[in-house]
Amino acid sequence: MTATAFLQQTKNPTNDDIVIAMGNNYCRCGCYVRILRAVWQAADAR
Protein backbone atom coordinates (compact mmCIF):
# COMPACT_ATOMS: atom_id res chain seq x y z
CA MET A 1 0.00 0.00 0.00
CA THR A 2 2.88 2.33 0.77
CA ALA A 3 4.48 1.68 -2.59
CA THR A 4 1.20 2.24 -4.45
CA ALA A 5 0.55 5.57 -2.74
CA PHE A 6 4.17 6.62 -3.28
CA LEU A 7 4.10 5.79 -7.00
CA GLN A 8 0.83 7.65 -7.47
CA GLN A 9 2.50 10.78 -6.13
CA THR A 10 5.98 10.38 -7.63
CA LYS A 11 6.29 10.19 -11.41
CA ASN A 12 10.01 9.40 -11.83
CA PRO A 13 11.38 8.14 -8.50
CA THR A 14 15.08 7.86 -7.82
CA ASN A 15 16.55 5.08 -5.73
CA ASP A 16 16.85 7.51 -2.81
CA ASP A 17 13.19 8.49 -3.20
CA ILE A 18 12.16 4.84 -2.98
CA VAL A 19 14.39 4.13 0.03
CA ILE A 20 12.94 7.11 1.90
CA ALA A 21 9.34 6.29 0.96
CA MET A 22 9.68 2.67 2.03
CA GLY A 23 11.75 3.50 5.13
CA ASN A 24 8.97 2.84 7.63
CA ASN A 25 8.34 -0.68 6.32
CA TYR A 26 10.24 -3.29 8.27
CA CYS A 27 11.11 -6.69 6.90
CA ARG A 28 12.34 -9.44 9.19
CA CYS A 29 13.41 -11.67 6.31
CA GLY A 30 15.91 -9.20 4.83
CA CYS A 31 14.16 -8.77 1.48
CA TYR A 32 14.82 -5.05 1.20
CA VAL A 33 16.68 -5.46 -2.09
CA ARG A 34 13.72 -7.36 -3.54
CA ILE A 35 11.29 -4.72 -2.26
CA LEU A 36 13.31 -1.94 -3.91
CA ARG A 37 13.48 -3.93 -7.14
CA ALA A 38 9.72 -4.51 -7.09
CA VAL A 39 9.00 -0.79 -6.62
CA TRP A 40 11.36 0.04 -9.48
CA GLN A 41 9.58 -2.49 -11.71
CA ALA A 42 6.19 -1.06 -10.76
CA ALA A 43 7.43 2.46 -11.54
CA ASP A 44 8.68 1.34 -14.96
CA ALA A 45 5.42 -0.46 -15.74
CA ARG A 46 3.36 2.72 -15.49
PDB file of N, CA and C in Angstrom:
ATOM      1  N   MET A   1       0.828  -1.181   0.000  1.00  0.00           N
ATOM      2  CA  MET A   1       0.000   0.000   0.000  1.00  0.00           C
ATOM      3  C   MET A   1       0.877   1.250   0.000  1.00  0.00           C
ATOM      4  N   THR A   2       1.967   1.188   0.738  1.00  0.00           N
ATOM      5  CA  THR A   2       2.878   2.334   0.768  1.00  0.00           C
ATOM      6  C   THR A   2       3.460   2.590  -0.611  1.00  0.00           C
ATOM      7  N   ALA A   3       3.876   1.530  -1.269  1.00  0.00           N
ATOM      8  CA  ALA A   3       4.475   1.680  -2.595  1.00  0.00           C
ATOM      9  C   ALA A   3       3.464   2.229  -3.593  1.00  0.00           C
ATOM     10  N   THR A   4       2.230   1.762  -3.536  1.00  0.00           N
ATOM     11  CA  THR A   4       1.198   2.236  -4.452  1.00  0.00           C
ATOM     12  C   THR A   4       0.946   3.729  -4.258  1.00  0.00           C
ATOM     13  N   ALA A   5       0.783   4.148  -3.026  1.00  0.00           N
ATOM     14  CA  ALA A   5       0.552   5.571  -2.740  1.00  0.00           C
ATOM     15  C   ALA A   5       1.752   6.407  -3.172  1.00  0.00           C
ATOM     16  N   PHE A   6       2.945   5.913  -2.898  1.00  0.00           N
ATOM     17  CA  PHE A   6       4.169   6.623  -3.284  1.00  0.00           C
ATOM     18  C   PHE A   6       4.246   6.798  -4.793  1.00  0.00           C
ATOM     19  N   LEU A   7       3.992   5.720  -5.544  1.00  0.00           N
ATOM     20  CA  LEU A   7       4.096   5.788  -6.998  1.00  0.00           C
ATOM     21  C   LEU A   7       3.007   6.644  -7.632  1.00  0.00           C
ATOM     22  N   GLN A   8       1.879   6.767  -6.967  1.00  0.00           N
ATOM     23  CA  GLN A   8       0.833   7.645  -7.471  1.00  0.00           C
ATOM     24  C   GLN A   8       1.243   9.110  -7.346  1.00  0.00           C
ATOM     25  N   GLN A   9       2.088   9.407  -6.378  1.00  0.00           N
ATOM     26  CA  GLN A   9       2.503  10.784  -6.125  1.00  0.00           C
ATOM     27  C   GLN A   9       3.842  11.142  -6.769  1.00  0.00           C
ATOM     28  N   THR A  10       4.629  10.141  -7.130  1.00  0.00           N
ATOM     29  CA  THR A  10       5.981  10.383  -7.633  1.00  0.00           C
ATOM     30  C   THR A  10       6.111   9.787  -9.027  1.00  0.00           C
ATOM     31  N   LYS A  11       6.262  10.641 -10.013  1.00  0.00           N
ATOM     32  CA  LYS A  11       6.288  10.190 -11.405  1.00  0.00           C
ATOM     33  C   LYS A  11       7.570   9.449 -11.782  1.00  0.00           C
ATOM     34  N   ASN A  12       8.717   9.994 -11.457  1.00  0.00           N
ATOM     35  CA  ASN A  12      10.009   9.396 -11.827  1.00  0.00           C
ATOM     36  C   ASN A  12      10.885   9.266 -10.578  1.00  0.00           C
ATOM     37  N   PRO A  13      10.637   8.248  -9.759  1.00  0.00           N
ATOM     38  CA  PRO A  13      11.376   8.142  -8.501  1.00  0.00           C
ATOM     39  C   PRO A  13      12.835   7.742  -8.702  1.00  0.00           C
ATOM     40  N   THR A  14      13.680   8.289  -7.872  1.00  0.00           N
ATOM     41  CA  THR A  14      15.078   7.859  -7.824  1.00  0.00           C
ATOM     42  C   THR A  14      15.191   6.757  -6.782  1.00  0.00           C
ATOM     43  N   ASN A  15      16.333   6.110  -6.736  1.00  0.00           N
ATOM     44  CA  ASN A  15      16.552   5.076  -5.731  1.00  0.00           C
ATOM     45  C   ASN A  15      16.413   5.663  -4.328  1.00  0.00           C
ATOM     46  N   ASP A  16      16.963   6.856  -4.120  1.00  0.00           N
ATOM     47  CA  ASP A  16      16.854   7.508  -2.807  1.00  0.00           C
ATOM     48  C   ASP A  16      15.402   7.809  -2.453  1.00  0.00           C
ATOM     49  N   ASP A  17      14.615   8.235  -3.429  1.00  0.00           N
ATOM     50  CA  ASP A  17      13.190   8.491  -3.196  1.00  0.00           C
ATOM     51  C   ASP A  17      12.494   7.222  -2.699  1.00  0.00           C
ATOM     52  N   ILE A  18      12.798   6.106  -3.349  1.00  0.00           N
ATOM     53  CA  ILE A  18      12.162   4.844  -2.977  1.00  0.00           C
ATOM     54  C   ILE A  18      12.593   4.412  -1.583  1.00  0.00           C
ATOM     55  N   VAL A  19      13.876   4.516  -1.291  1.00  0.00           N
ATOM     56  CA  VAL A  19      14.386   4.131   0.027  1.00  0.00           C
ATOM     57  C   VAL A  19      13.709   4.953   1.123  1.00  0.00           C
ATOM     58  N   ILE A  20      13.587   6.244   0.906  1.00  0.00           N
ATOM     59  CA  ILE A  20      12.942   7.115   1.899  1.00  0.00           C
ATOM     60  C   ILE A  20      11.463   6.767   2.045  1.00  0.00           C
ATOM     61  N   ALA A  21      10.777   6.589   0.922  1.00  0.00           N
ATOM     62  CA  ALA A  21       9.341   6.294   0.957  1.00  0.00           C
ATOM     63  C   ALA A  21       9.046   4.974   1.651  1.00  0.00           C
ATOM     64  N   MET A  22       9.911   3.995   1.457  1.00  0.00           N
ATOM     65  CA  MET A  22       9.684   2.665   2.026  1.00  0.00           C
ATOM     66  C   MET A  22      10.369   2.493   3.379  1.00  0.00           C
ATOM     67  N   GLY A  23      10.954   3.558   3.904  1.00  0.00           N
ATOM     68  CA  GLY A  23      11.748   3.497   5.125  1.00  0.00           C
ATOM     69  C   GLY A  23      11.006   3.051   6.369  1.00  0.00           C
ATOM     70  N   ASN A  24       9.716   3.239   6.434  1.00  0.00           N
ATOM     71  CA  ASN A  24       8.968   2.839   7.630  1.00  0.00           C
ATOM     72  C   ASN A  24       8.418   1.425   7.537  1.00  0.00           C
ATOM     73  N   ASN A  25       8.773   0.708   6.486  1.00  0.00           N
ATOM     74  CA  ASN A  25       8.341  -0.677   6.322  1.00  0.00           C
ATOM     75  C   ASN A  25       9.482  -1.584   6.754  1.00  0.00           C
ATOM     76  N   TYR A  26       9.217  -2.425   7.723  1.00  0.00           N
ATOM     77  CA  TYR A  26      10.245  -3.293   8.267  1.00  0.00           C
ATOM     78  C   TYR A  26      10.040  -4.720   7.789  1.00  0.00           C
ATOM     79  N   CYS A  27      11.145  -5.340   7.422  1.00  0.00           N
ATOM     80  CA  CYS A  27      11.106  -6.694   6.900  1.00  0.00           C
ATOM     81  C   CYS A  27      12.040  -7.554   7.740  1.00  0.00           C
ATOM     82  N   ARG A  28      11.505  -8.564   8.369  1.00  0.00           N
ATOM     83  CA  ARG A  28      12.340  -9.441   9.193  1.00  0.00           C
ATOM     84  C   ARG A  28      13.110 -10.460   8.373  1.00  0.00           C
ATOM     85  N   CYS A  29      12.741 -10.646   7.119  1.00  0.00           N
ATOM     86  CA  CYS A  29      13.407 -11.668   6.308  1.00  0.00           C
ATOM     87  C   CYS A  29      14.577 -11.098   5.500  1.00  0.00           C
ATOM     88  N   GLY A  30      14.781  -9.804   5.536  1.00  0.00           N
ATOM     89  CA  GLY A  30      15.909  -9.201   4.828  1.00  0.00           C
ATOM     90  C   GLY A  30      15.701  -9.053   3.332  1.00  0.00           C
ATOM     91  N   CYS A  31      14.488  -8.858   2.908  1.00  0.00           N
ATOM     92  CA  CYS A  31      14.163  -8.770   1.477  1.00  0.00           C
ATOM     93  C   CYS A  31      14.162  -7.336   0.962  1.00  0.00           C
ATOM     94  N   TYR A  32      14.871  -6.447   1.612  1.00  0.00           N
ATOM     95  CA  TYR A  32      14.820  -5.046   1.201  1.00  0.00           C
ATOM     96  C   TYR A  32      15.233  -4.850  -0.247  1.00  0.00           C
ATOM     97  N   VAL A  33      16.234  -5.584  -0.705  1.00  0.00           N
ATOM     98  CA  VAL A  33      16.680  -5.459  -2.095  1.00  0.00           C
ATOM     99  C   VAL A  33      15.555  -5.866  -3.032  1.00  0.00           C
ATOM    100  N   ARG A  34      14.834  -6.914  -2.702  1.00  0.00           N
ATOM    101  CA  ARG A  34      13.717  -7.359  -3.538  1.00  0.00           C
ATOM    102  C   ARG A  34      12.579  -6.345  -3.516  1.00  0.00           C
ATOM    103  N   ILE A  35      12.347  -5.734  -2.365  1.00  0.00           N
ATOM    104  CA  ILE A  35      11.292  -4.724  -2.265  1.00  0.00           C
ATOM    105  C   ILE A  35      11.641  -3.526  -3.145  1.00  0.00           C
ATOM    106  N   LEU A  36      12.881  -3.059  -3.064  1.00  0.00           N
ATOM    107  CA  LEU A  36      13.315  -1.940  -3.905  1.00  0.00           C
ATOM    108  C   LEU A  36      13.174  -2.295  -5.382  1.00  0.00           C
ATOM    109  N   ARG A  37      13.582  -3.487  -5.755  1.00  0.00           N
ATOM    110  CA  ARG A  37      13.483  -3.933  -7.145  1.00  0.00           C
ATOM    111  C   ARG A  37      12.023  -3.958  -7.598  1.00  0.00           C
ATOM    112  N   ALA A  38      11.146  -4.431  -6.746  1.00  0.00           N
ATOM    113  CA  ALA A  38       9.723  -4.506  -7.092  1.00  0.00           C
ATOM    114  C   ALA A  38       9.126  -3.112  -7.296  1.00  0.00           C
ATOM    115  N   VAL A  39       9.512  -2.159  -6.456  1.00  0.00           N
ATOM    116  CA  VAL A  39       8.998  -0.794  -6.618  1.00  0.00           C
ATOM    117  C   VAL A  39       9.539  -0.184  -7.907  1.00  0.00           C
ATOM    118  N   TRP A  40      10.818  -0.432  -8.219  1.00  0.00           N
ATOM    119  CA  TRP A  40      11.362   0.039  -9.481  1.00  0.00           C
ATOM    120  C   TRP A  40      10.592  -0.547 -10.659  1.00  0.00           C
ATOM    121  N   GLN A  41      10.310  -1.847 -10.618  1.00  0.00           N
ATOM    122  CA  GLN A  41       9.579  -2.495 -11.709  1.00  0.00           C
ATOM    123  C   GLN A  41       8.173  -1.908 -11.839  1.00  0.00           C
ATOM    124  N   ALA A  42       7.533  -1.651 -10.727  1.00  0.00           N
ATOM    125  CA  ALA A  42       6.188  -1.062 -10.764  1.00  0.00           C
ATOM    126  C   ALA A  42       6.248   0.353 -11.345  1.00  0.00           C
ATOM    127  N   ALA A  43       7.280   1.107 -11.000  1.00  0.00           N
ATOM    128  CA  ALA A  43       7.427   2.459 -11.535  1.00  0.00           C
ATOM    129  C   ALA A  43       7.639   2.421 -13.047  1.00  0.00           C
ATOM    130  N   ASP A  44       8.423   1.464 -13.521  1.00  0.00           N
ATOM    131  CA  ASP A  44       8.675   1.345 -14.957  1.00  0.00           C
ATOM    132  C   ASP A  44       7.453   0.859 -15.725  1.00  0.00           C
ATOM    133  N   ALA A  45       6.590   0.113 -15.074  1.00  0.00           N
ATOM    134  CA  ALA A  45       5.422  -0.456 -15.740  1.00  0.00           C
ATOM    135  C   ALA A  45       4.308   0.560 -15.963  1.00  0.00           C
ATOM    136  N   ARG A  46       4.419   1.727 -15.332  1.00  0.00           N
ATOM    137  CA  ARG A  46       3.363   2.724 -15.488  1.00  0.00           C
ATOM    138  C   ARG A  46       3.418   3.395 -16.803  1.00  0.00           C
TER     139      ARG A  46
END
